Amino acid sequence: MRKWMPLLAVCLGTFMLLVDVTIVSVALPQMTDSLDASFSALQWVVDIYVLVLAALLMALGSLSDLTGARRVYLAGLAVFAVASLACGLANSSELLIAARGVQGLGAAAMFATNTALLASNYEGRDRGVAFGMWGAVNGAAAAAGPILGGVLTEHLDWRWIFLVNLPVAAVALYIGGKHLSGSSTRTDRRVDLPGTVTFTLASTLLIFALIRAGEDGWGATSTLLLFGGCALALILFVLAERGRRDPMLDLGLLRTPSFGGLMTGALVFSAAAFANLVFVSVWAQTVLDFSPVKAGLILMPLSLMSFVAAGLAGRFLAQVPPQYPIGAGLLLIGAGTLLEMLVTGSSGWIALLPGFLLTGLGVGIASPILASAALAAAPADRAGMAGGAANTFRQLGFALGIPAVGTLVSGAVATKLTDSGLFDDADSAAELVTGGQSASVLAGVPEQSKAAAATVVEDAYAAGLDLAFLASGLAALVAGVLVLLVVRPSARPEPVDEQHTRAAEPAESAAHPA
């Protein structure tokens, strides 16, 4: 039993950080009421965590090469625990968003060191068992997040979705400090601070621009300035990476059709499959009047199907050229998401079930192959970077998908509410409805119009979801075709610098961000 203590320490941290991606979505309506939060704040509560996680993943992986994975992992656990306490005690949306950002920092430190720690603590058959158990925990976390969030929110309070992390983190810190062995360090590499700063700035400005586009319009000065700032930051990132010996991301890899196609697939994979689920959860609670637990349960078919399919894909598709399972998975996600457009104003959650099952099948087929395919598409001395890039693009896809979907849903809701003529300020009402405050909107409607207004709200949210499903489905179909056309199986390219060649990690995360 003692030999599995390092695995337990790693799995506890991994479970927490992945659960905290999805656990928040079920609690959003209660958070909105408790903190009197706006719709844009609602999006940032979900987004800032994933954004920081994605932006710092590769940089913290480089830091762990310099200082040791054990030290970075334990520091990440401590930061995650303190930030979770701050989230649980936050009395405003601004404080909650800031604490969620710090939580993302801790999560990135843990996520970036998982594979290195398992590789350094286990060998031979034990290593295979350890990575298998770790992969199962990843899948379980994705499935457990909405349910755990619903139970804690319904029977205690939304703050407990964060406070529950404290005892888990304490146990993980104790076991990790006592049983984790350190990994080897490399003094020949440096953390790419210019690349990290410019990449984070570009990602943040892009997300902020998408949120402002939903509030102020695509042509508004504020929106255009943010998109312009994003473009400038992206140019600075490219300039910063071109001259570095150890860049955060070797841009030459993206010029390789296979690697570039895989990163596009990873980005769209998370955005198309999972970003809309945040708004499905809000719809279930505020339009269908579901409890938080029941709202979490309706997401279970997708999670369970992906968990089962991932197990089968890992067993039977390991020798299949990667473009086929990844491309097919994206096509299934696209078809499943389009099938979710069966939702209407009078629909129950069952209307989503066929689409959820098909989407879950696609997720399960593509997910286990993405990271390993990225490793194979890069030179051996860029294997760690390639695996980190795959995880980064997946998390970034989810972070970008939230405001993109939110803009579509809010815009469709505003159009329906305006056309009805029943609401004095349709734009403000649309923001409240999209953010889960339908009851407060209907409370301001004259009594004789309440029934008609309730029907309009139901139809409006369904129309918003359908538009989001349409955009997500088409994006996944295009990405699937792209992967099938440009990704090719090939021997690993020769390393560009033999003296810095490093073997690929034995496994990469198969967890999805939602």
Protein backbone atom coordinates (compact mmCIF):
# COMPACT_ATOMS: atom_id res chain seq x y z
CA MET A 1 0.00 0.00 0.00
CA ARG A 2 2.86 2.36 0.83
CA LYS A 3 4.16 2.31 -2.74
CA TRP A 4 0.88 3.78 -4.01
CA MET A 5 1.01 6.83 -1.72
CA PRO A 6 2.70 9.02 -4.39
CA LEU A 7 -0.07 8.07 -6.83
CA LEU A 8 -2.70 9.01 -4.24
CA ALA A 9 -1.07 12.40 -3.66
CA VAL A 10 -1.02 13.16 -7.40
CA CYS A 11 -4.55 11.87 -8.02
CA LEU A 12 -6.05 13.92 -5.16
CA GLY A 13 -4.63 17.12 -6.62
CA THR A 14 -5.63 16.20 -10.16
CA PHE A 15 -9.17 15.36 -9.09
CA MET A 16 -9.57 18.72 -7.32
CA LEU A 17 -8.22 20.86 -10.15
CA LEU A 18 -10.35 19.14 -12.80
CA VAL A 19 -13.51 19.10 -10.69
CA ASP A 20 -13.11 22.86 -10.19
CA VAL A 21 -13.41 23.39 -13.96
CA THR A 22 -16.95 22.00 -14.02
CA ILE A 23 -18.22 22.25 -10.44
CA VAL A 24 -18.87 26.00 -10.76
CA SER A 25 -21.33 25.75 -13.66
CA VAL A 26 -24.12 24.24 -11.56
CA ALA A 27 -23.71 26.89 -8.84
CA LEU A 28 -23.78 29.93 -11.13
CA PRO A 29 -27.45 30.91 -10.60
CA GLN A 30 -27.01 30.84 -6.80
CA MET A 31 -23.73 32.77 -7.06
CA THR A 32 -25.43 35.39 -9.22
CA ASP A 33 -28.17 35.96 -6.64
CA SER A 34 -25.82 35.87 -3.65
CA LEU A 35 -23.24 38.31 -5.05
CA ASP A 36 -25.59 40.34 -7.28
CA ALA A 37 -23.23 39.55 -10.15
CA SER A 38 -23.58 40.68 -13.76
CA PHE A 39 -23.59 38.34 -16.75
CA SER A 40 -20.01 39.29 -17.67
CA ALA A 41 -18.88 38.57 -14.10
CA LEU A 42 -20.63 35.22 -14.36
CA GLN A 43 -18.53 34.33 -17.40
CA TRP A 44 -15.29 35.47 -15.77
CA VAL A 45 -15.91 33.27 -12.71
CA VAL A 46 -15.77 30.24 -15.01
CA ASP A 47 -13.26 31.60 -17.50
CA ILE A 48 -10.48 33.12 -15.41
CA TYR A 49 -9.65 29.78 -13.80
CA VAL A 50 -9.30 27.96 -17.12
CA LEU A 51 -7.52 30.91 -18.74
CA VAL A 52 -4.78 31.07 -16.08
CA LEU A 53 -4.50 27.28 -16.11
CA ALA A 54 -4.01 27.26 -19.89
CA ALA A 55 -1.73 30.29 -20.07
CA LEU A 56 0.72 29.13 -17.39
CA LEU A 57 0.75 25.40 -18.04
CA MET A 58 3.81 25.32 -20.29
CA ALA A 59 5.72 27.96 -18.30
CA LEU A 60 5.26 26.07 -15.04
CA GLY A 61 6.27 22.87 -16.77
CA SER A 62 9.55 24.60 -17.64
CA LEU A 63 9.88 25.86 -14.07
CA SER A 64 9.48 22.31 -12.77
CA ASP A 65 12.33 21.23 -15.06
CA LEU A 66 14.53 23.78 -13.29
CA THR A 67 13.46 23.38 -9.66
CA GLY A 68 11.95 19.89 -9.58
CA ALA A 69 8.39 18.70 -10.17
CA ARG A 70 7.83 17.77 -6.50
CA ARG A 71 8.52 21.29 -5.26
CA VAL A 72 6.32 22.93 -7.91
CA TYR A 73 3.48 20.44 -7.32
CA LEU A 74 3.41 20.94 -3.54
CA ALA A 75 3.61 24.72 -3.94
CA GLY A 76 0.70 24.52 -6.39
CA LEU A 77 -1.33 22.52 -3.88
CA ALA A 78 -0.74 25.14 -1.20
CA VAL A 79 -1.67 28.02 -3.52
CA PHE A 80 -4.78 26.15 -4.67
CA ALA A 81 -5.91 25.58 -1.06
CA VAL A 82 -5.43 29.23 -0.02
CA ALA A 83 -7.22 30.44 -3.16
CA SER A 84 -10.10 28.01 -2.53
CA LEU A 85 -10.52 29.49 0.95
CA ALA A 86 -10.57 32.98 -0.57
CA CYS A 87 -13.21 31.87 -3.10
CA GLY A 88 -15.37 30.46 -0.34
CA LEU A 89 -15.16 33.68 1.69
CA ALA A 90 -15.55 36.12 -1.23
CA ASN A 91 -18.27 38.72 -0.66
CA SER A 92 -18.21 40.23 -4.15
CA SER A 93 -17.89 38.99 -7.71
CA GLU A 94 -14.63 40.94 -8.10
CA LEU A 95 -13.00 39.14 -5.17
CA LEU A 96 -14.31 35.79 -6.37
CA ILE A 97 -12.89 36.34 -9.87
CA ALA A 98 -9.50 37.34 -8.45
CA ALA A 99 -9.41 34.30 -6.18
CA ARG A 100 -10.39 32.03 -9.06
CA GLY A 101 -7.44 33.40 -11.02
CA VAL A 102 -5.06 32.48 -8.19
CA GLN A 103 -6.73 29.09 -8.02
CA GLY A 104 -5.89 28.65 -11.71
CA LEU A 105 -2.23 29.38 -10.92
CA GLY A 106 -2.16 26.57 -8.35
CA ALA A 107 -3.98 24.25 -10.73
CA ALA A 108 -1.47 24.94 -13.51
CA ALA A 109 1.43 24.09 -11.18
CA MET A 110 -0.21 20.77 -10.28
CA PHE A 111 -1.33 19.86 -13.80
CA ALA A 112 2.06 20.68 -15.36
CA THR A 113 3.90 18.28 -13.03
CA ASN A 114 1.55 15.26 -12.94
CA THR A 115 3.23 13.14 -15.59
CA ALA A 116 6.77 13.95 -14.46
CA LEU A 117 5.95 12.95 -10.87
CA LEU A 118 4.35 9.66 -11.87
CA ALA A 119 7.27 8.89 -14.17
CA SER A 120 9.84 9.60 -11.45
CA ASN A 121 8.02 7.66 -8.71
CA TYR A 122 7.16 4.49 -10.66
CA GLU A 123 8.90 2.14 -13.05
CA GLY A 124 8.02 -0.82 -15.23
CA ARG A 125 4.61 -2.38 -14.71
CA ASP A 126 3.85 -0.11 -11.74
CA ARG A 127 4.25 2.92 -13.98
CA GLY A 128 1.62 1.59 -16.39
CA VAL A 129 -0.77 0.90 -13.50
CA ALA A 130 -0.15 4.40 -12.08
CA PHE A 131 -0.89 6.14 -15.37
CA GLY A 132 -3.97 3.98 -15.88
CA MET A 133 -5.35 4.92 -12.46
CA TRP A 134 -4.49 8.58 -13.02
CA GLY A 135 -6.36 8.55 -16.35
CA ALA A 136 -9.40 6.99 -14.66
CA VAL A 137 -9.35 9.74 -12.03
CA ASN A 138 -9.32 12.33 -14.83
CA GLY A 139 -12.47 10.83 -16.30
CA ALA A 140 -14.14 10.48 -12.91
CA ALA A 141 -13.44 14.14 -12.10
CA ALA A 142 -15.17 15.28 -15.29
CA ALA A 143 -18.24 13.21 -14.44
CA ALA A 144 -18.30 14.08 -10.74
CA GLY A 145 -17.99 17.88 -11.05
CA PRO A 146 -21.61 18.77 -11.91
CA ILE A 147 -23.04 16.24 -9.43
CA LEU A 148 -20.79 17.28 -6.56
CA GLY A 149 -21.48 20.93 -7.33
CA GLY A 150 -25.22 20.29 -7.34
CA VAL A 151 -25.19 18.42 -4.02
CA LEU A 152 -23.08 21.03 -2.22
CA THR A 153 -25.02 23.97 -3.66
CA GLU A 154 -28.45 22.51 -2.96
CA HIS A 155 -27.85 21.10 0.53
CA LEU A 156 -25.24 23.51 1.89
CA ASP A 157 -24.27 26.65 -0.05
CA TRP A 158 -22.34 27.54 -3.19
CA ARG A 159 -19.34 28.51 -1.04
CA TRP A 160 -18.83 24.87 -0.13
CA ILE A 161 -17.87 23.96 -3.69
CA PHE A 162 -14.61 25.75 -2.86
CA LEU A 163 -14.30 25.08 0.88
CA VAL A 164 -14.52 21.32 0.31
CA ASN A 165 -11.09 21.58 -1.33
CA LEU A 166 -9.39 22.44 1.96
CA PRO A 167 -9.41 19.01 3.65
CA VAL A 168 -8.58 17.28 0.36
CA ALA A 169 -5.63 19.62 -0.23
CA ALA A 170 -4.43 19.12 3.35
CA VAL A 171 -4.38 15.33 2.91
CA ALA A 172 -2.65 15.62 -0.48
CA LEU A 173 -0.01 17.96 0.96
CA TYR A 174 0.71 15.62 3.87
CA ILE A 175 0.97 12.51 1.70
CA GLY A 176 2.91 14.31 -1.01
CA GLY A 177 5.37 15.86 1.40
CA LYS A 178 6.02 12.49 2.99
CA HIS A 179 6.00 10.09 0.03
CA LEU A 180 6.63 11.93 -3.28
CA SER A 181 10.11 11.57 -4.73
CA GLY A 182 11.59 14.46 -6.65
CA SER A 183 12.18 14.40 -10.40
CA SER A 184 15.41 15.24 -12.16
CA THR A 185 16.14 18.88 -12.88
CA ARG A 186 17.65 20.56 -15.93
CA THR A 187 19.76 23.70 -15.62
CA ASP A 188 20.12 24.07 -19.39
CA ARG A 189 16.56 25.37 -19.80
CA ARG A 190 14.95 28.65 -18.76
CA VAL A 191 11.40 29.77 -18.13
CA ASP A 192 10.16 31.85 -21.07
CA LEU A 193 8.83 34.91 -19.22
CA PRO A 194 8.33 37.16 -22.31
CA GLY A 195 6.43 34.38 -24.07
CA THR A 196 4.31 33.65 -21.00
CA VAL A 197 3.40 37.30 -20.43
CA THR A 198 2.51 38.05 -24.07
CA PHE A 199 0.58 34.77 -24.51
CA THR A 200 -1.43 35.42 -21.33
CA LEU A 201 -2.10 39.02 -22.37
CA ALA A 202 -3.28 38.00 -25.86
CA SER A 203 -5.58 35.29 -24.46
CA THR A 204 -7.05 37.59 -21.80
CA LEU A 205 -7.72 40.42 -24.24
CA LEU A 206 -9.38 38.02 -26.69
CA ILE A 207 -11.71 36.65 -24.02
CA PHE A 208 -12.46 40.16 -22.76
CA ALA A 209 -13.20 41.25 -26.35
CA LEU A 210 -15.66 38.38 -26.84
CA ILE A 211 -17.44 39.27 -23.59
CA ARG A 212 -17.65 42.96 -24.53
CA ALA A 213 -18.92 42.03 -27.99
CA GLY A 214 -21.90 40.37 -26.33
CA GLU A 215 -22.60 43.44 -24.21
CA ASP A 216 -21.65 46.40 -26.44
CA GLY A 217 -21.79 44.87 -29.94
CA TRP A 218 -19.08 43.72 -32.35
CA GLY A 219 -18.62 47.19 -33.82
CA ALA A 220 -18.35 49.05 -30.51
CA THR A 221 -15.17 51.04 -29.87
CA SER A 222 -14.40 49.09 -26.70
CA THR A 223 -14.73 45.77 -28.54
CA LEU A 224 -12.54 46.87 -31.45
CA LEU A 225 -9.86 48.24 -29.11
CA LEU A 226 -9.73 44.95 -27.23
CA PHE A 227 -9.42 42.94 -30.45
CA GLY A 228 -6.70 45.32 -31.58
CA GLY A 229 -4.86 44.91 -28.28
CA CYS A 230 -5.11 41.15 -28.66
CA ALA A 231 -3.61 41.32 -32.15
CA LEU A 232 -0.74 43.49 -30.88
CA ALA A 233 -0.04 41.12 -27.97
CA LEU A 234 -0.07 38.18 -30.38
CA ILE A 235 2.50 39.91 -32.60
CA LEU A 236 4.68 40.55 -29.54
CA PHE A 237 4.35 36.88 -28.60
CA VAL A 238 5.53 35.78 -32.04
CA LEU A 239 8.49 38.19 -31.88
CA ALA A 240 9.38 37.02 -28.38
CA GLU A 241 9.33 33.35 -29.36
CA ARG A 242 11.30 33.66 -32.59
CA GLY A 243 14.61 34.55 -30.98
CA ARG A 244 14.56 32.29 -27.92
CA ARG A 245 16.61 29.13 -27.50
CA ASP A 246 13.97 27.61 -25.17
CA PRO A 247 10.63 29.15 -26.24
CA MET A 248 7.40 28.35 -24.45
CA LEU A 249 6.08 27.24 -27.84
CA ASP A 250 8.29 26.52 -30.82
CA LEU A 251 6.36 28.29 -33.58
CA GLY A 252 8.06 26.10 -36.13
CA LEU A 253 5.92 23.22 -34.88
CA LEU A 254 2.76 25.07 -35.88
CA ARG A 255 4.05 25.31 -39.45
CA THR A 256 4.03 21.51 -39.59
CA PRO A 257 0.61 20.59 -41.04
CA SER A 258 0.11 17.62 -38.71
CA PHE A 259 0.98 19.51 -35.54
CA GLY A 260 -0.94 22.64 -36.55
CA GLY A 261 -3.98 20.53 -37.44
CA LEU A 262 -3.84 18.75 -34.10
CA MET A 263 -3.67 22.03 -32.16
CA THR A 264 -6.67 23.35 -34.13
CA GLY A 265 -8.51 20.13 -33.33
CA ALA A 266 -7.62 20.43 -29.63
CA LEU A 267 -8.85 24.04 -29.49
CA VAL A 268 -12.18 23.31 -31.21
CA PHE A 269 -12.61 20.01 -29.34
CA SER A 270 -13.09 21.68 -25.96
CA ALA A 271 -14.92 24.75 -27.25
CA ALA A 272 -17.50 22.76 -29.22
CA ALA A 273 -18.11 19.93 -26.79
CA PHE A 274 -18.12 21.68 -23.42
CA ALA A 275 -18.54 25.47 -23.51
CA ASN A 276 -22.29 25.27 -24.14
CA LEU A 277 -22.80 23.01 -21.09
CA VAL A 278 -22.40 25.99 -18.75
CA PHE A 279 -25.49 27.57 -20.31
CA VAL A 280 -27.35 24.26 -20.47
CA SER A 281 -26.96 24.08 -16.69
CA VAL A 282 -28.29 27.64 -16.27
CA TRP A 283 -31.19 26.84 -18.61
CA ALA A 284 -32.09 23.72 -16.63
CA GLN A 285 -32.23 25.60 -13.33
CA THR A 286 -33.89 28.85 -14.39
CA VAL A 287 -36.16 27.77 -17.27
CA LEU A 288 -36.93 24.16 -16.37
CA ASP A 289 -36.81 25.04 -12.65
CA PHE A 290 -34.53 22.09 -11.84
CA SER A 291 -32.66 21.83 -8.56
CA PRO A 292 -28.84 22.12 -8.75
CA VAL A 293 -28.51 18.35 -8.26
CA LYS A 294 -30.93 17.55 -11.06
CA ALA A 295 -29.24 20.12 -13.32
CA GLY A 296 -25.95 18.33 -12.69
CA LEU A 297 -27.49 14.94 -13.40
CA ILE A 298 -28.67 15.89 -16.88
CA LEU A 299 -25.01 16.32 -17.90
CA MET A 300 -24.14 12.80 -16.75
CA PRO A 301 -25.03 10.94 -19.98
CA LEU A 302 -22.36 12.88 -21.89
CA SER A 303 -19.72 12.31 -19.19
CA LEU A 304 -20.49 8.63 -18.77
CA MET A 305 -20.53 7.94 -22.50
CA SER A 306 -17.17 9.70 -22.91
CA PHE A 307 -15.72 7.73 -19.98
CA VAL A 308 -16.80 4.38 -21.44
CA ALA A 309 -15.76 5.30 -24.99
CA ALA A 310 -12.35 6.55 -23.81
CA GLY A 311 -11.65 3.20 -22.17
CA LEU A 312 -12.55 1.34 -25.34
CA ALA A 313 -10.67 3.79 -27.57
CA GLY A 314 -7.51 3.44 -25.54
CA ARG A 315 -7.68 -0.33 -25.89
CA PHE A 316 -8.71 -0.77 -29.52
CA LEU A 317 -7.50 2.38 -31.31
CA ALA A 318 -3.92 2.57 -30.03
CA GLN A 319 -2.48 1.29 -33.34
CA VAL A 320 -4.86 3.24 -35.62
CA PRO A 321 -3.36 6.32 -37.34
CA PRO A 322 -4.32 9.25 -35.06
CA GLN A 323 -6.08 11.36 -37.66
CA TYR A 324 -8.90 8.80 -37.87
CA PRO A 325 -10.03 8.63 -34.22
CA ILE A 326 -9.44 12.36 -33.69
CA GLY A 327 -11.17 13.37 -36.91
CA ALA A 328 -14.02 10.92 -36.35
CA GLY A 329 -14.38 12.09 -32.75
CA LEU A 330 -14.70 15.72 -33.86
CA LEU A 331 -17.25 14.76 -36.53
CA LEU A 332 -19.28 12.90 -33.90
CA ILE A 333 -19.06 15.91 -31.57
CA GLY A 334 -20.27 18.11 -34.41
CA ALA A 335 -23.16 15.80 -35.28
CA GLY A 336 -24.10 15.37 -31.62
CA THR A 337 -24.03 19.10 -30.92
CA LEU A 338 -26.20 19.79 -33.97
CA LEU A 339 -28.59 17.11 -32.73
CA GLU A 340 -28.94 19.06 -29.48
CA MET A 341 -30.77 21.69 -31.53
CA LEU A 342 -33.91 19.60 -30.90
CA VAL A 343 -34.41 21.86 -27.86
CA THR A 344 -37.43 24.16 -28.10
CA GLY A 345 -39.19 26.40 -25.63
CA SER A 346 -41.47 23.57 -24.55
CA SER A 347 -38.76 20.88 -24.43
CA GLY A 348 -37.66 18.96 -21.39
CA TRP A 349 -34.08 17.83 -20.82
CA ILE A 350 -34.75 14.55 -22.71
CA ALA A 351 -34.49 16.52 -25.96
CA LEU A 352 -30.75 16.84 -25.25
CA LEU A 353 -30.16 13.15 -24.58
CA PRO A 354 -29.49 11.87 -28.15
CA GLY A 355 -27.06 14.70 -28.80
CA PHE A 356 -25.33 14.24 -25.45
CA LEU A 357 -24.76 10.54 -26.12
CA LEU A 358 -23.35 11.15 -29.59
CA THR A 359 -21.15 14.02 -28.35
CA GLY A 360 -19.90 11.89 -25.45
CA LEU A 361 -18.98 9.12 -27.89
CA GLY A 362 -16.95 11.59 -29.95
CA VAL A 363 -15.22 12.99 -26.86
CA GLY A 364 -14.28 9.50 -25.68
CA ILE A 365 -12.85 8.50 -29.05
CA ALA A 366 -10.78 11.67 -29.64
CA SER A 367 -9.67 12.58 -26.13
CA PRO A 368 -7.17 9.79 -25.33
CA ILE A 369 -5.46 10.15 -28.72
CA LEU A 370 -4.96 13.93 -28.87
CA ALA A 371 -1.99 14.34 -26.53
CA SER A 372 -0.12 11.23 -27.70
CA ALA A 373 -0.64 12.29 -31.32
CA ALA A 374 0.85 15.71 -30.52
CA LEU A 375 3.88 14.03 -28.97
CA ALA A 376 4.40 11.90 -32.08
CA ALA A 377 4.11 14.94 -34.37
CA ALA A 378 7.01 16.78 -32.68
CA PRO A 379 10.76 16.15 -32.50
CA ALA A 380 11.88 14.16 -29.45
CA ASP A 381 13.49 17.23 -27.87
CA ARG A 382 10.16 19.06 -28.14
CA ALA A 383 8.01 16.21 -26.76
CA GLY A 384 7.33 17.86 -23.42
CA MET A 385 6.49 21.12 -25.15
CA ALA A 386 4.16 19.32 -27.58
CA GLY A 387 2.26 17.57 -24.80
CA GLY A 388 1.99 20.82 -22.85
CA ALA A 389 0.78 22.64 -25.97
CA ALA A 390 -1.96 20.05 -26.53
CA ASN A 391 -3.25 20.49 -22.98
CA THR A 392 -2.92 24.28 -23.25
CA PHE A 393 -4.93 24.48 -26.48
CA ARG A 394 -7.64 22.25 -25.03
CA GLN A 395 -8.03 24.42 -21.94
CA LEU A 396 -7.81 27.59 -24.01
CA GLY A 397 -10.57 26.30 -26.29
CA PHE A 398 -12.89 25.97 -23.31
CA ALA A 399 -11.90 29.43 -22.01
CA LEU A 400 -12.60 31.05 -25.39
CA GLY A 401 -15.76 29.02 -25.92
CA ILE A 402 -17.50 30.38 -22.81
CA PRO A 403 -17.69 34.05 -23.92
CA ALA A 404 -18.29 33.07 -27.56
CA VAL A 405 -21.27 30.91 -26.60
CA GLY A 406 -22.43 33.52 -24.09
CA THR A 407 -22.45 36.18 -26.78
CA LEU A 408 -24.53 33.99 -29.09
CA VAL A 409 -27.02 33.00 -26.39
CA SER A 410 -27.40 36.55 -25.05
CA GLY A 411 -27.84 38.00 -28.55
CA ALA A 412 -30.55 35.49 -29.50
CA VAL A 413 -32.36 36.02 -26.19
CA ALA A 414 -32.26 39.81 -26.65
CA THR A 415 -33.75 39.52 -30.14
CA LYS A 416 -36.64 37.35 -28.93
CA LEU A 417 -37.38 39.58 -25.94
CA THR A 418 -37.29 42.71 -28.09
CA ASP A 419 -39.63 41.22 -30.69
CA SER A 420 -42.15 40.27 -28.00
CA GLY A 421 -42.66 43.87 -26.88
CA LEU A 422 -43.31 42.69 -23.32
CA PHE A 423 -40.11 44.01 -21.75
CA ASP A 424 -39.23 47.67 -21.20
CA ASP A 425 -35.45 47.15 -21.45
CA ALA A 426 -35.01 43.99 -23.51
CA ASP A 427 -31.19 44.16 -23.58
CA SER A 428 -30.89 44.33 -19.80
CA ALA A 429 -33.54 41.64 -19.44
CA ALA A 430 -31.64 39.42 -21.87
CA GLU A 431 -28.45 39.74 -19.81
CA LEU A 432 -30.33 38.76 -16.67
CA VAL A 433 -32.11 35.84 -18.34
CA THR A 434 -28.90 34.48 -19.88
CA GLY A 435 -27.17 34.75 -16.52
CA GLY A 436 -29.84 32.75 -14.70
CA GLN A 437 -32.09 35.46 -13.29
CA SER A 438 -35.27 34.79 -15.24
CA ALA A 439 -37.38 34.98 -12.08
CA SER A 440 -36.32 38.56 -11.36
CA VAL A 441 -37.08 39.56 -14.95
CA LEU A 442 -40.54 38.03 -14.85
CA ALA A 443 -41.20 39.64 -11.48
CA GLY A 444 -41.08 43.05 -13.18
CA VAL A 445 -43.69 42.15 -15.81
CA PRO A 446 -47.34 43.16 -15.22
CA GLU A 447 -49.44 40.33 -13.80
CA GLN A 448 -51.66 40.03 -16.87
CA SER A 449 -48.61 39.52 -19.09
CA LYS A 450 -46.67 37.10 -16.87
CA ALA A 451 -47.80 33.89 -18.58
CA ALA A 452 -47.00 35.24 -22.05
CA ALA A 453 -43.66 36.64 -20.83
CA ALA A 454 -42.71 33.28 -19.29
CA THR A 455 -43.35 31.56 -22.62
CA VAL A 456 -41.23 34.17 -24.42
CA VAL A 457 -38.36 33.61 -21.97
CA GLU A 458 -38.54 29.84 -22.49
CA ASP A 459 -38.55 30.24 -26.28
CA ALA A 460 -35.78 32.84 -26.15
CA TYR A 461 -33.37 30.72 -24.11
CA ALA A 462 -34.04 27.71 -26.33
CA ALA A 463 -33.33 29.85 -29.40
CA GLY A 464 -30.07 31.02 -27.81
CA LEU A 465 -28.99 27.48 -27.05
CA ASP A 466 -29.89 26.34 -30.56
CA LEU A 467 -27.72 29.09 -32.07
CA ALA A 468 -24.83 28.09 -29.79
CA PHE A 469 -25.29 24.42 -30.71
CA LEU A 470 -25.32 25.31 -34.41
CA ALA A 471 -22.06 27.30 -34.22
CA SER A 472 -20.37 24.66 -32.05
CA GLY A 473 -21.49 21.81 -34.28
CA LEU A 474 -20.32 23.46 -37.50
CA ALA A 475 -16.95 24.33 -35.92
CA ALA A 476 -16.44 20.71 -34.83
CA LEU A 477 -17.36 19.38 -38.28
CA VAL A 478 -14.90 21.73 -40.00
CA ALA A 479 -12.16 20.84 -37.48
CA GLY A 480 -12.84 17.13 -37.98
CA VAL A 481 -12.49 17.40 -41.75
CA LEU A 482 -9.31 19.48 -41.32
CA VAL A 483 -7.72 16.86 -39.07
CA LEU A 484 -8.58 14.06 -41.49
CA LEU A 485 -7.06 16.02 -44.38
CA VAL A 486 -3.83 17.41 -42.90
CA VAL A 487 -2.75 15.13 -40.04
CA ARG A 488 -0.59 12.26 -41.22
CA PRO A 489 0.97 9.36 -39.30
CA SER A 490 4.75 9.55 -39.48
CA ALA A 491 7.88 8.63 -37.62
CA ARG A 492 8.89 11.17 -35.02
CA PRO A 493 10.97 13.92 -36.67
CA GLU A 494 14.65 14.05 -35.82
CA PRO A 495 15.48 16.32 -32.87
CA VAL A 496 16.88 19.68 -33.79
CA ASP A 497 19.58 19.47 -31.12
CA GLU A 498 20.75 16.01 -30.12
CA GLN A 499 22.44 17.11 -26.93
CA HIS A 500 19.13 18.38 -25.59
CA THR A 501 17.03 15.41 -26.65
CA ARG A 502 14.61 14.22 -24.00
CA ALA A 503 12.32 11.22 -24.16
CA ALA A 504 8.63 11.91 -24.24
CA GLU A 505 6.64 11.62 -21.07
CA PRO A 506 5.02 8.20 -20.79
CA ALA A 507 1.56 9.66 -20.87
CA GLU A 508 -0.30 12.91 -21.09
CA SER A 509 -3.63 14.00 -19.71
CA ALA A 510 -6.71 12.53 -21.31
CA ALA A 511 -8.96 14.71 -19.20
CA HIS A 512 -11.28 17.13 -20.90
CA PRO A 513 -11.80 20.59 -19.41
CA ALA A 514 -15.36 20.24 -18.61
